[in-house]
C-alpha atoms as a PDB file:
ATOM      1  CA  UNK A   1      90.681  91.217 113.328  1.00  0.00           C
ATOM      2  CA  UNK A   2      91.429  89.478 110.004  1.00  0.00           C
ATOM      3  CA  UNK A   3      93.423  86.739 111.762  1.00  0.00           C
ATOM      4  CA  UNK A   4      90.322  84.638 112.428  1.00  0.00           C
ATOM      5  CA  UNK A   5      89.293  84.743 108.754  1.00  0.00           C
ATOM      6  CA  UNK A   6      92.857  83.903 107.708  1.00  0.00           C
ATOM      7  CA  UNK A   7      93.028  80.974 110.107  1.00  0.00           C
ATOM      8  CA  UNK A   8      89.666  79.634 108.957  1.00  0.00           C
ATOM      9  CA  UNK A   9      90.543  79.982 105.264  1.00  0.00           C
ATOM     10  CA  UNK A  10      94.120  78.719 105.265  1.00  0.00           C
ATOM     11  CA  UNK A  11      94.682  76.681 108.443  1.00  0.00           C
ATOM     12  CA  UNK A  12      97.410  74.800 106.550  1.00  0.00           C
ATOM     13  CA  UNK A  13      99.735  77.820 106.803  1.00  0.00           C
ATOM     14  CA  UNK A  14     100.835  79.597 109.980  1.00  0.00           C
ATOM     15  CA  UNK A  15     100.614  83.394 109.845  1.00  0.00           C
ATOM     16  CA  UNK A  16     101.930  85.770 112.473  1.00  0.00           C
ATOM     17  CA  UNK A  17     100.046  88.747 113.858  1.00  0.00           C
ATOM     18  CA  UNK A  18     101.671  91.907 112.446  1.00  0.00           C
ATOM     19  CA  UNK A  19     103.162  94.402 114.878  1.00  0.00           C
ATOM     20  CA  UNK A  20     103.579  98.174 114.918  1.00  0.00           C
ATOM     21  CA  UNK A  21     107.115  99.573 114.933  1.00  0.00           C
ATOM     22  CA  UNK A  22     107.673 103.142 116.067  1.00  0.00           C
ATOM     23  CA  UNK A  23     110.181 104.765 113.724  1.00  0.00           C
ATOM     24  CA  UNK A  24     113.140 106.853 114.799  1.00  0.00           C
ATOM     25  CA  UNK A  25     112.018 110.451 114.321  1.00  0.00           C
ATOM     26  CA  UNK A  26     115.634 111.652 114.500  1.00  0.00           C
ATOM     27  CA  UNK A  27     116.101 109.959 111.138  1.00  0.00           C
ATOM     28  CA  UNK A  28     113.457 112.259 109.683  1.00  0.00           C
ATOM     29  CA  UNK A  29     114.918 115.316 111.400  1.00  0.00           C
ATOM     30  CA  UNK A  30     111.761 116.080 113.366  1.00  0.00           C
ATOM     31  CA  UNK A  31     110.396 115.623 116.866  1.00  0.00           C
ATOM     32  CA  UNK A  32     106.833 116.903 116.516  1.00  0.00           C
ATOM     33  CA  UNK A  33     105.444 113.924 114.579  1.00  0.00           C
ATOM     34  CA  UNK A  34     104.807 110.300 115.524  1.00  0.00           C
ATOM     35  CA  UNK A  35     105.630 107.795 112.806  1.00  0.00           C
ATOM     36  CA  UNK A  36     104.773 104.101 112.951  1.00  0.00           C
ATOM     37  CA  UNK A  37     105.052 101.185 110.554  1.00  0.00           C
ATOM     38  CA  UNK A  38     102.509  98.366 110.294  1.00  0.00           C
ATOM     39  CA  UNK A  39     104.735  95.342 109.773  1.00  0.00           C
ATOM     40  CA  UNK A  40     102.713  93.270 107.338  1.00  0.00           C
ATOM     41  CA  UNK A  41     106.065  91.902 106.184  1.00  0.00           C
ATOM     42  CA  UNK A  42     106.148  89.935 109.445  1.00  0.00           C
ATOM     43  CA  UNK A  43     103.064  87.820 108.834  1.00  0.00           C
ATOM     44  CA  UNK A  44     104.876  85.255 106.678  1.00  0.00           C
ATOM     45  CA  UNK A  45     108.278  84.987 104.950  1.00  0.00           C
ATOM     46  CA  UNK A  46     106.714  84.382 101.515  1.00  0.00           C
ATOM     47  CA  UNK A  47     103.048  85.398 101.572  1.00  0.00           C
ATOM     48  CA  UNK A  48     103.981  88.632 103.241  1.00  0.00           C
ATOM     49  CA  UNK A  49     102.629  92.142 103.247  1.00  0.00           C
ATOM     50  CA  UNK A  50      99.424  92.810 101.369  1.00  0.00           C
ATOM     51  CA  UNK A  51      99.689  89.719  99.144  1.00  0.00           C
ATOM     52  CA  UNK A  52      97.816  87.405 101.507  1.00  0.00           C
ATOM     53  CA  UNK A  53      94.916  89.827 101.844  1.00  0.00           C
ATOM     54  CA  UNK A  54      94.483  90.269  98.095  1.00  0.00           C
ATOM     55  CA  UNK A  55      94.510  86.482  97.664  1.00  0.00           C
ATOM     56  CA  UNK A  56      92.411  85.451 100.649  1.00  0.00           C
ATOM     57  CA  UNK A  57      88.974  85.441  99.008  1.00  0.00           C
ATOM     58  CA  UNK A  58      90.300  83.730  95.869  1.00  0.00           C
ATOM     59  CA  UNK A  59      91.838  80.989  97.989  1.00  0.00           C
ATOM     60  CA  UNK A  60      88.582  80.688  99.897  1.00  0.00           C
ATOM     61  CA  UNK A  61      86.700  80.258  96.623  1.00  0.00           C
ATOM     62  CA  UNK A  62      89.178  77.690  95.312  1.00  0.00           C
ATOM     63  CA  UNK A  63      88.881  75.569  98.456  1.00  0.00           C
ATOM     64  CA  UNK A  64      85.099  75.691  98.514  1.00  0.00           C
ATOM     65  CA  UNK A  65      84.437  75.114  94.824  1.00  0.00           C
ATOM     66  CA  UNK A  66      85.416  72.529  92.253  1.00  0.00           C
ATOM     67  CA  UNK A  67      87.893  74.967  90.682  1.00  0.00           C
ATOM     68  CA  UNK A  68      91.110  73.405  91.909  1.00  0.00           C
ATOM     69  CA  UNK A  69      93.378  75.471  89.696  1.00  0.00           C
ATOM     70  CA  UNK A  70      94.353  79.124  89.874  1.00  0.00           C
ATOM     71  CA  UNK A  71      95.771  81.114  86.958  1.00  0.00           C
ATOM     72  CA  UNK A  72      97.358  84.498  87.508  1.00  0.00           C
ATOM     73  CA  UNK A  73      99.792  86.979  85.973  1.00  0.00           C
ATOM     74  CA  UNK A  74     103.040  88.755  86.797  1.00  0.00           C
ATOM     75  CA  UNK A  75     106.560  89.732  85.817  1.00  0.00           C
ATOM     76  CA  UNK A  76     109.900  88.087  86.487  1.00  0.00           C
ATOM     77  CA  UNK A  77     110.142  89.571  90.001  1.00  0.00           C
ATOM     78  CA  UNK A  78     106.462  89.441  90.903  1.00  0.00           C
ATOM     79  CA  UNK A  79     105.753  89.141  94.626  1.00  0.00           C
ATOM     80  CA  UNK A  80     102.221  88.202  93.637  1.00  0.00           C
ATOM     81  CA  UNK A  81     103.358  85.186  91.597  1.00  0.00           C
ATOM     82  CA  UNK A  82     105.638  83.968  94.378  1.00  0.00           C
ATOM     83  CA  UNK A  83     102.932  84.298  97.018  1.00  0.00           C
ATOM     84  CA  UNK A  84     100.330  82.586  94.835  1.00  0.00           C
ATOM     85  CA  UNK A  85     102.656  79.706  93.987  1.00  0.00           C
ATOM     86  CA  UNK A  86     103.507  79.045  97.630  1.00  0.00           C
ATOM     87  CA  UNK A  87      99.926  79.343  98.870  1.00  0.00           C
ATOM     88  CA  UNK A  88      98.599  77.033  96.182  1.00  0.00           C
ATOM     89  CA  UNK A  89     101.246  74.406  96.875  1.00  0.00           C
ATOM     90  CA  UNK A  90     100.443  74.429 100.601  1.00  0.00           C
ATOM     91  CA  UNK A  91      96.712  74.221  99.904  1.00  0.00           C
ATOM     92  CA  UNK A  92      97.189  71.515  97.241  1.00  0.00           C
ATOM     93  CA  UNK A  93      95.759  73.748  94.518  1.00  0.00           C
ATOM     94  CA  UNK A  94      97.332  73.682  91.060  1.00  0.00           C
ATOM     95  CA  UNK A  95      98.644  77.030  89.836  1.00  0.00           C
ATOM     96  CA  UNK A  96      99.646  78.571  86.523  1.00  0.00           C
ATOM     97  CA  UNK A  97     101.629  81.795  86.211  1.00  0.00           C
ATOM     98  CA  UNK A  98     101.387  83.783  82.980  1.00  0.00           C
ATOM     99  CA  UNK A  99     104.698  85.665  82.857  1.00  0.00           C
ATOM    100  CA  UNK A 100     105.291  88.948  81.058  1.00  0.00           C
ATOM    101  CA  UNK A 101     107.957  88.645  78.329  1.00  0.00           C
ATOM    102  CA  UNK A 102     109.765  85.889  76.467  1.00  0.00           C
ATOM    103  CA  UNK A 103     111.395  83.166  78.530  1.00  0.00           C
ATOM    104  CA  UNK A 104     114.916  84.303  79.493  1.00  0.00           C
ATOM    105  CA  UNK A 105     117.970  82.061  79.357  1.00  0.00           C
ATOM    106  CA  UNK A 106     118.385  82.475  83.099  1.00  0.00           C
ATOM    107  CA  UNK A 107     115.260  82.612  85.243  1.00  0.00           C
ATOM    108  CA  UNK A 108     114.983  85.168  88.033  1.00  0.00           C
ATOM    109  CA  UNK A 109     115.134  83.955  91.658  1.00  0.00           C
ATOM    110  CA  UNK A 110     111.396  84.673  91.872  1.00  0.00           C
ATOM    111  CA  UNK A 111     110.505  82.474  88.893  1.00  0.00           C
ATOM    112  CA  UNK A 112     112.791  79.704  90.137  1.00  0.00           C
ATOM    113  CA  UNK A 113     110.961  79.897  93.454  1.00  0.00           C
ATOM    114  CA  UNK A 114     107.623  79.589  91.623  1.00  0.00           C
ATOM    115  CA  UNK A 115     108.835  76.471  89.829  1.00  0.00           C
ATOM    116  CA  UNK A 116     110.062  75.000  93.110  1.00  0.00           C
ATOM    117  CA  UNK A 117     106.546  75.494  94.434  1.00  0.00           C
ATOM    118  CA  UNK A 118     105.025  73.604  91.518  1.00  0.00           C
ATOM    119  CA  UNK A 119     103.657  76.601  89.615  1.00  0.00           C
ATOM    120  CA  UNK A 120     103.400  76.010  85.876  1.00  0.00           C
ATOM    121  CA  UNK A 121     104.940  78.996  84.083  1.00  0.00           C
ATOM    122  CA  UNK A 122     103.795  80.235  80.680  1.00  0.00           C
ATOM    123  CA  UNK A 123     105.686  83.089  79.002  1.00  0.00           C
ATOM    124  CA  UNK A 124     103.918  85.486  76.625  1.00  0.00           C
ATOM    125  CA  UNK A 125     105.159  88.483  74.670  1.00  0.00           C
ATOM    126  CA  UNK A 126     104.957  91.931  76.231  1.00  0.00           C
ATOM    127  CA  UNK A 127     102.516  92.990  73.514  1.00  0.00           C
ATOM    128  CA  UNK A 128     100.198  90.105  74.388  1.00  0.00           C
ATOM    129  CA  UNK A 129     100.642  90.786  78.088  1.00  0.00           C
ATOM    130  CA  UNK A 130      99.324  94.325  77.616  1.00  0.00           C
ATOM    131  CA  UNK A 131      95.992  92.743  76.735  1.00  0.00           C
ATOM    132  CA  UNK A 132      95.683  90.850  80.022  1.00  0.00           C
ATOM    133  CA  UNK A 133      93.617  93.673  81.506  1.00  0.00           C
ATOM    134  CA  UNK A 134      91.126  93.588  78.666  1.00  0.00           C
ATOM    135  CA  UNK A 135      87.809  92.144  79.670  1.00  0.00           C
ATOM    136  CA  UNK A 136      87.885  89.353  77.097  1.00  0.00           C
ATOM    137  CA  UNK A 137      91.373  88.225  78.038  1.00  0.00           C
ATOM    138  CA  UNK A 138      90.410  87.820  81.672  1.00  0.00           C
ATOM    139  CA  UNK A 139      87.399  85.722  80.787  1.00  0.00           C
ATOM    140  CA  UNK A 140      88.204  82.168  81.937  1.00  0.00           C
ATOM    141  CA  UNK A 141      86.952  80.813  78.601  1.00  0.00           C
ATOM    142  CA  UNK A 142      89.231  83.075  76.562  1.00  0.00           C
ATOM    143  CA  UNK A 143      92.532  81.737  77.816  1.00  0.00           C
ATOM    144  CA  UNK A 144      92.010  78.035  77.523  1.00  0.00           C
ATOM    145  CA  UNK A 145      93.516  77.322  74.114  1.00  0.00           C
ATOM    146  CA  UNK A 146      91.029  74.568  73.379  1.00  0.00           C
ATOM    147  CA  UNK A 147      90.394  73.782  77.013  1.00  0.00           C
ATOM    148  CA  UNK A 148      94.123  73.712  77.778  1.00  0.00           C
ATOM    149  CA  UNK A 149      93.662  74.540  81.444  1.00  0.00           C
ATOM    150  CA  UNK A 150      90.216  73.175  82.183  1.00  0.00           C
ATOM    151  CA  UNK A 151      88.099  74.841  84.846  1.00  0.00           C
ATOM    152  CA  UNK A 152      89.965  77.390  86.898  1.00  0.00           C
ATOM    153  CA  UNK A 153      89.855  80.632  88.854  1.00  0.00           C
ATOM    154  CA  UNK A 154      91.521  83.573  87.161  1.00  0.00           C
ATOM    155  CA  UNK A 155      93.251  86.223  89.302  1.00  0.00           C
ATOM    156  CA  UNK A 156      94.266  89.449  87.525  1.00  0.00           C
ATOM    157  CA  UNK A 157      97.798  90.765  87.969  1.00  0.00           C
ATOM    158  CA  UNK A 158      98.377  91.923  91.532  1.00  0.00           C
ATOM    159  CA  UNK A 159      94.890  90.736  92.482  1.00  0.00           C
ATOM    160  CA  UNK A 160      93.329  93.771  90.739  1.00  0.00           C
ATOM    161  CA  UNK A 161      89.650  92.917  91.171  1.00  0.00           C
ATOM    162  CA  UNK A 162      86.672  93.518  93.433  1.00  0.00           C
ATOM    163  CA  UNK A 163      87.572  90.387  95.373  1.00  0.00           C
ATOM    164  CA  UNK A 164      91.191  91.527  95.730  1.00  0.00           C
ATOM    165  CA  UNK A 165      90.088  94.993  96.861  1.00  0.00           C
ATOM    166  CA  UNK A 166      87.752  93.564  99.480  1.00  0.00           C
ATOM    167  CA  UNK A 167      90.498  91.318 100.809  1.00  0.00           C
ATOM    168  CA  UNK A 168      92.937  94.238 100.995  1.00  0.00           C
ATOM    169  CA  UNK A 169      90.304  96.227 102.852  1.00  0.00           C
ATOM    170  CA  UNK A 170      90.693  93.816 105.775  1.00  0.00           C
ATOM    171  CA  UNK A 171      94.032  95.483 106.565  1.00  0.00           C
ATOM    172  CA  UNK A 172      92.049  98.481 107.835  1.00  0.00           C
ATOM    173  CA  UNK A 173      90.981  96.438 110.863  1.00  0.00           C
ATOM    174  CA  UNK A 174      94.529  96.466 112.227  1.00  0.00           C
ATOM    175  CA  UNK A 175      94.646 100.258 112.644  1.00  0.00           C
ATOM    176  CA  UNK A 176      91.181 101.787 112.332  1.00  0.00           C
ATOM    177  CA  UNK A 177      90.880 102.365 116.098  1.00  0.00           C
ATOM    178  CA  UNK A 178      94.401 103.726 116.675  1.00  0.00           C
ATOM    179  CA  UNK A 179      93.775 107.388 115.816  1.00  0.00           C
ATOM    180  CA  UNK A 180      96.253 107.800 112.990  1.00  0.00           C
ATOM    181  CA  UNK A 181      95.914 111.088 111.129  1.00  0.00           C
ATOM    182  CA  UNK A 182      97.589 109.712 107.992  1.00  0.00           C
ATOM    183  CA  UNK A 183      97.991 106.199 106.578  1.00  0.00           C
ATOM    184  CA  UNK A 184     100.573 105.810 103.800  1.00  0.00           C
ATOM    185  CA  UNK A 185     101.189 102.926 101.425  1.00  0.00           C
ATOM    186  CA  UNK A 186     102.963 102.247  98.114  1.00  0.00           C
ATOM    187  CA  UNK A 187     100.727 101.806  95.061  1.00  0.00           C
ATOM    188  CA  UNK A 188     101.276  99.356  92.204  1.00  0.00           C
ATOM    189  CA  UNK A 189      97.980  98.109  90.750  1.00  0.00           C
ATOM    190  CA  UNK A 190      96.083 100.257  93.312  1.00  0.00           C
ATOM    191  CA  UNK A 191      94.150  97.241  94.630  1.00  0.00           C
ATOM    192  CA  UNK A 192      95.272  97.686  98.245  1.00  0.00           C
ATOM    193  CA  UNK A 193      94.967 101.456  97.973  1.00  0.00           C
ATOM    194  CA  UNK A 194      91.376 101.062  96.779  1.00  0.00           C
ATOM    195  CA  UNK A 195      90.586  98.621  99.575  1.00  0.00           C
ATOM    196  CA  UNK A 196      91.849 100.943 102.309  1.00  0.00           C
ATOM    197  CA  UNK A 197      90.174 104.023 100.841  1.00  0.00           C
ATOM    198  CA  UNK A 198      86.869 102.176 100.518  1.00  0.00           C
ATOM    199  CA  UNK A 199      86.924 100.852 104.091  1.00  0.00           C
ATOM    200  CA  UNK A 200      88.131 104.087 105.718  1.00  0.00           C
ATOM    201  CA  UNK A 201      85.410 105.188 108.146  1.00  0.00           C
ATOM    202  CA  UNK A 202      87.051 108.162 109.842  1.00  0.00           C
ATOM    203  CA  UNK A 203      88.961 111.334 109.012  1.00  0.00           C
ATOM    204  CA  UNK A 204      92.263 109.553 108.427  1.00  0.00           C
ATOM    205  CA  UNK A 205      93.982 110.735 105.238  1.00  0.00           C
ATOM    206  CA  UNK A 206      94.912 107.716 103.088  1.00  0.00           C
ATOM    207  CA  UNK A 207      97.964 108.589 100.989  1.00  0.00           C
ATOM    208  CA  UNK A 208      99.123 106.409  98.113  1.00  0.00           C
ATOM    209  CA  UNK A 209     102.660 106.682  96.724  1.00  0.00           C
ATOM    210  CA  UNK A 210     102.804 105.539  93.108  1.00  0.00           C
ATOM    211  CA  UNK A 211     105.714 103.317  92.066  1.00  0.00           C
ATOM    212  CA  UNK A 212     104.961 103.481  88.327  1.00  0.00           C
ATOM    213  CA  UNK A 213     105.879 106.288  85.964  1.00  0.00           C
ATOM    214  CA  UNK A 214     102.963 108.249  84.443  1.00  0.00           C
ATOM    215  CA  UNK A 215     100.508 106.700  86.877  1.00  0.00           C
ATOM    216  CA  UNK A 216      97.561 108.910  85.975  1.00  0.00           C
ATOM    217  CA  UNK A 217      94.509 106.643  85.963  1.00  0.00           C
ATOM    218  CA  UNK A 218      93.728 106.239  89.661  1.00  0.00           C
ATOM    219  CA  UNK A 219      90.173 107.483  89.216  1.00  0.00           C
ATOM    220  CA  UNK A 220      89.586 104.958  86.445  1.00  0.00           C
ATOM    221  CA  UNK A 221      91.029 102.132  88.524  1.00  0.00           C
ATOM    222  CA  UNK A 222      88.914 103.105  91.515  1.00  0.00           C
ATOM    223  CA  UNK A 223      85.823 103.165  89.303  1.00  0.00           C
ATOM    224  CA  UNK A 224      86.608  99.655  88.032  1.00  0.00           C
ATOM    225  CA  UNK A 225      86.966  98.449  91.607  1.00  0.00           C
ATOM    226  CA  UNK A 226      83.745 100.217  92.603  1.00  0.00           C
ATOM    227  CA  UNK A 227      85.306 102.417  95.265  1.00  0.00           C
ATOM    228  CA  UNK A 228      82.775 104.774  96.817  1.00  0.00           C
ATOM    229  CA  UNK A 229      83.318 108.012  94.820  1.00  0.00           C
ATOM    230  CA  UNK A 230      82.650 110.103  97.936  1.00  0.00           C
ATOM    231  CA  UNK A 231      85.694 108.694  99.700  1.00  0.00           C
ATOM    232  CA  UNK A 232      88.625 111.082 100.042  1.00  0.00           C
ATOM    233  CA  UNK A 233      92.255 110.163  99.446  1.00  0.00           C
ATOM    234  CA  UNK A 234      95.566 111.607  98.271  1.00  0.00           C
ATOM    235  CA  UNK A 235      97.762 110.140  95.546  1.00  0.00           C
ATOM    236  CA  UNK A 236     101.372 111.229  95.053  1.00  0.00           C
ATOM    237  CA  UNK A 237     103.256 110.100  91.958  1.00  0.00           C
ATOM    238  CA  UNK A 238     106.517 111.989  92.348  1.00  0.00           C
ATOM    239  CA  UNK A 239     108.655 109.235  93.866  1.00  0.00           C
ATOM    240  CA  UNK A 240     108.741 106.459  91.275  1.00  0.00           C
ATOM    241  CA  UNK A 241     112.492 106.874  90.586  1.00  0.00           C
ATOM    242  CA  UNK A 242     112.055 106.272  86.870  1.00  0.00           C
ATOM    243  CA  UNK A 243     109.270 103.722  86.899  1.00  0.00           C
ATOM    244  CA  UNK A 244     108.324 100.277  88.161  1.00  0.00           C
ATOM    245  CA  UNK A 245     111.305  98.404  89.657  1.00  0.00           C
ATOM    246  CA  UNK A 246     113.601 101.273  88.671  1.00  0.00           C
ATOM    247  CA  UNK A 247     116.128 102.484  91.196  1.00  0.00           C
ATOM    248  CA  UNK A 248     118.928 104.980  91.690  1.00  0.00           C
ATOM    249  CA  UNK A 249     121.964 105.155  93.940  1.00  0.00           C
ATOM    250  CA  UNK A 250     120.078 107.740  95.974  1.00  0.00           C
ATOM    251  CA  UNK A 251     117.236 105.303  96.646  1.00  0.00           C
ATOM    252  CA  UNK A 252     119.571 102.439  97.579  1.00  0.00           C
ATOM    253  CA  UNK A 253     121.519 104.745  99.888  1.00  0.00           C
ATOM    254  CA  UNK A 254     118.249 105.795 101.522  1.00  0.00           C
ATOM    255  CA  UNK A 255     117.273 102.148 102.049  1.00  0.00           C
ATOM    256  CA  UNK A 256     120.583 101.456 103.752  1.00  0.00           C
ATOM    257  CA  UNK A 257     120.323 104.548 105.979  1.00  0.00           C
ATOM    258  CA  UNK A 258     116.756 103.675 106.918  1.00  0.00           C
ATOM    259  CA  UNK A 259     117.830 100.175 107.917  1.00  0.00           C
ATOM    260  CA  UNK A 260     120.703 101.493 110.020  1.00  0.00           C
ATOM    261  CA  UNK A 261     118.353 103.797 111.935  1.00  0.00           C
ATOM    262  CA  UNK A 262     115.286 101.564 112.260  1.00  0.00           C
ATOM    263  CA  UNK A 263     116.488  97.980 111.688  1.00  0.00           C
ATOM    264  CA  UNK A 264     113.681  97.434 109.194  1.00  0.00           C
ATOM    265  CA  UNK A 265     114.432  96.192 105.686  1.00  0.00           C
ATOM    266  CA  UNK A 266     112.645  97.909 102.801  1.00  0.00           C
ATOM    267  CA  UNK A 267     112.351  96.767  99.195  1.00  0.00           C
ATOM    268  CA  UNK A 268     113.412  99.046  96.352  1.00  0.00           C
ATOM    269  CA  UNK A 269     110.285  98.394  94.265  1.00  0.00           C
ATOM    270  CA  UNK A 270     107.625  99.543  96.737  1.00  0.00           C
ATOM    271  CA  UNK A 271     108.321 100.397 100.362  1.00  0.00           C
ATOM    272  CA  UNK A 272     111.602 102.277  99.902  1.00  0.00           C
ATOM    273  CA  UNK A 273     109.935 104.632  97.430  1.00  0.00           C
ATOM    274  CA  UNK A 274     107.068 105.235  99.852  1.00  0.00           C
ATOM    275  CA  UNK A 275     109.404 105.950 102.751  1.00  0.00           C
ATOM    276  CA  UNK A 276     111.590 108.239 100.647  1.00  0.00           C
ATOM    277  CA  UNK A 277     108.437 110.140  99.697  1.00  0.00           C
ATOM    278  CA  UNK A 278     107.330 110.424 103.309  1.00  0.00           C
ATOM    279  CA  UNK A 279     110.808 111.607 104.306  1.00  0.00           C
ATOM    280  CA  UNK A 280     110.784 114.262 101.577  1.00  0.00           C
ATOM    281  CA  UNK A 281     107.268 115.433 102.420  1.00  0.00           C
ATOM    282  CA  UNK A 282     108.237 115.786 106.073  1.00  0.00           C
ATOM    283  CA  UNK A 283     111.109 118.059 105.062  1.00  0.00           C
ATOM    284  CA  UNK A 284     108.603 120.091 103.026  1.00  0.00           C
ATOM    285  CA  UNK A 285     106.218 120.416 106.020  1.00  0.00           C
ATOM    286  CA  UNK A 286     103.431 118.468 104.311  1.00  0.00           C
ATOM    287  CA  UNK A 287     102.278 116.911 107.572  1.00  0.00           C
ATOM    288  CA  UNK A 288     100.847 119.280 110.223  1.00  0.00           C
ATOM    289  CA  UNK A 289     102.519 119.424 113.639  1.00  0.00           C
ATOM    290  CA  UNK A 290     101.286 116.658 115.913  1.00  0.00           C
ATOM    291  CA  UNK A 291     100.409 114.268 113.077  1.00  0.00           C
ATOM    292  CA  UNK A 292     100.385 110.547 113.831  1.00  0.00           C
ATOM    293  CA  UNK A 293     101.490 108.787 110.660  1.00  0.00           C
ATOM    294  CA  UNK A 294     101.207 105.099 109.815  1.00  0.00           C
ATOM    295  CA  UNK A 295     103.349 103.608 107.028  1.00  0.00           C
ATOM    296  CA  UNK A 296     102.219 100.210 105.757  1.00  0.00           C
ATOM    297  CA  UNK A 297     105.016  97.761 104.990  1.00  0.00           C
ATOM    298  CA  UNK A 298     103.534  95.777 102.113  1.00  0.00           C
ATOM    299  CA  UNK A 299     106.261  93.112 102.107  1.00  0.00           C
ATOM    300  CA  UNK A 300     107.893  92.112  98.852  1.00  0.00           C
ATOM    301  CA  UNK A 301     111.444  91.785 100.135  1.00  0.00           C
ATOM    302  CA  UNK A 302     112.151  88.891  97.780  1.00  0.00           C
ATOM    303  CA  UNK A 303     112.455  91.492  95.014  1.00  0.00           C
ATOM    304  CA  UNK A 304     115.706  92.630  96.599  1.00  0.00           C
ATOM    305  CA  UNK A 305     117.334  89.400  95.431  1.00  0.00           C
ATOM    306  CA  UNK A 306     118.120  91.155  92.161  1.00  0.00           C
ATOM    307  CA  UNK A 307     120.369  93.587  94.041  1.00  0.00           C
ATOM    308  CA  UNK A 308     122.849  91.038  95.334  1.00  0.00           C
ATOM    309  CA  UNK A 309     125.247  91.174  92.417  1.00  0.00           C
ATOM    310  CA  UNK A 310     124.962  94.922  91.944  1.00  0.00           C
ATOM    311  CA  UNK A 311     125.183  96.424  95.396  1.00  0.00           C
ATOM    312  CA  UNK A 312     127.058  95.878  98.611  1.00  0.00           C
END
């Protein structure tokens, strides 16, 4: 299991073993399916869900090499930035977060958390941020501004990289021997999706639920991450609710109902959209009778902090 690698790499931080929660099938209006959730949100209150796995090999590199600084990217409510900031502080590694957009008058709870964990924040325009995925921009030498940062390790947004994919692939070890017919997860950068598709060694159908609008470049992303082109998967982009971090009253109501029935908190950016999609597909008879479905809780609950003043 990945726990031994995690413990060896980051012994400074205690991580819990994730559990499997069996979901209330009455909530879905069915009794001929088994539905479980892999609670990656339980492994740590900050570095929760898939974030640890996408970071693990970068943290390993930083500890073993002379590169004692990590630079990465994200938006104002980025789970990735928060997780990186906390991990780096605990491991005594300096961190820099390149934030999408001009600096606001009032920082989000996520960015305040990053500052509290000693992450240096740099704000760049949205136009400049669009270039962060260009090969030249991600070259460590190209973002130094006359050696501004010195030697460092650069992590693309959301860990989108071969190293991030391989780390995310470790999640497969938690469920590969449990005979699930379907494994579902929300998809942002597609790093975790790519990792699970690439490591899948059986007939399990890996289903990704896109959380971005017009998410139509999965094949390109998989090619960049060198996913075996013979691997099979399903991608569903119909449940983004308007785009990344967008929400509706229907989605919030679903989150609340899900919590009442299962006592598991979802976040509106990722996991709620996945679970709404699964719920809808069940009503449409997408899953054959007798299916054993696993839903991966990818964490990210800190994003819900933006809801406090808007919802009850």
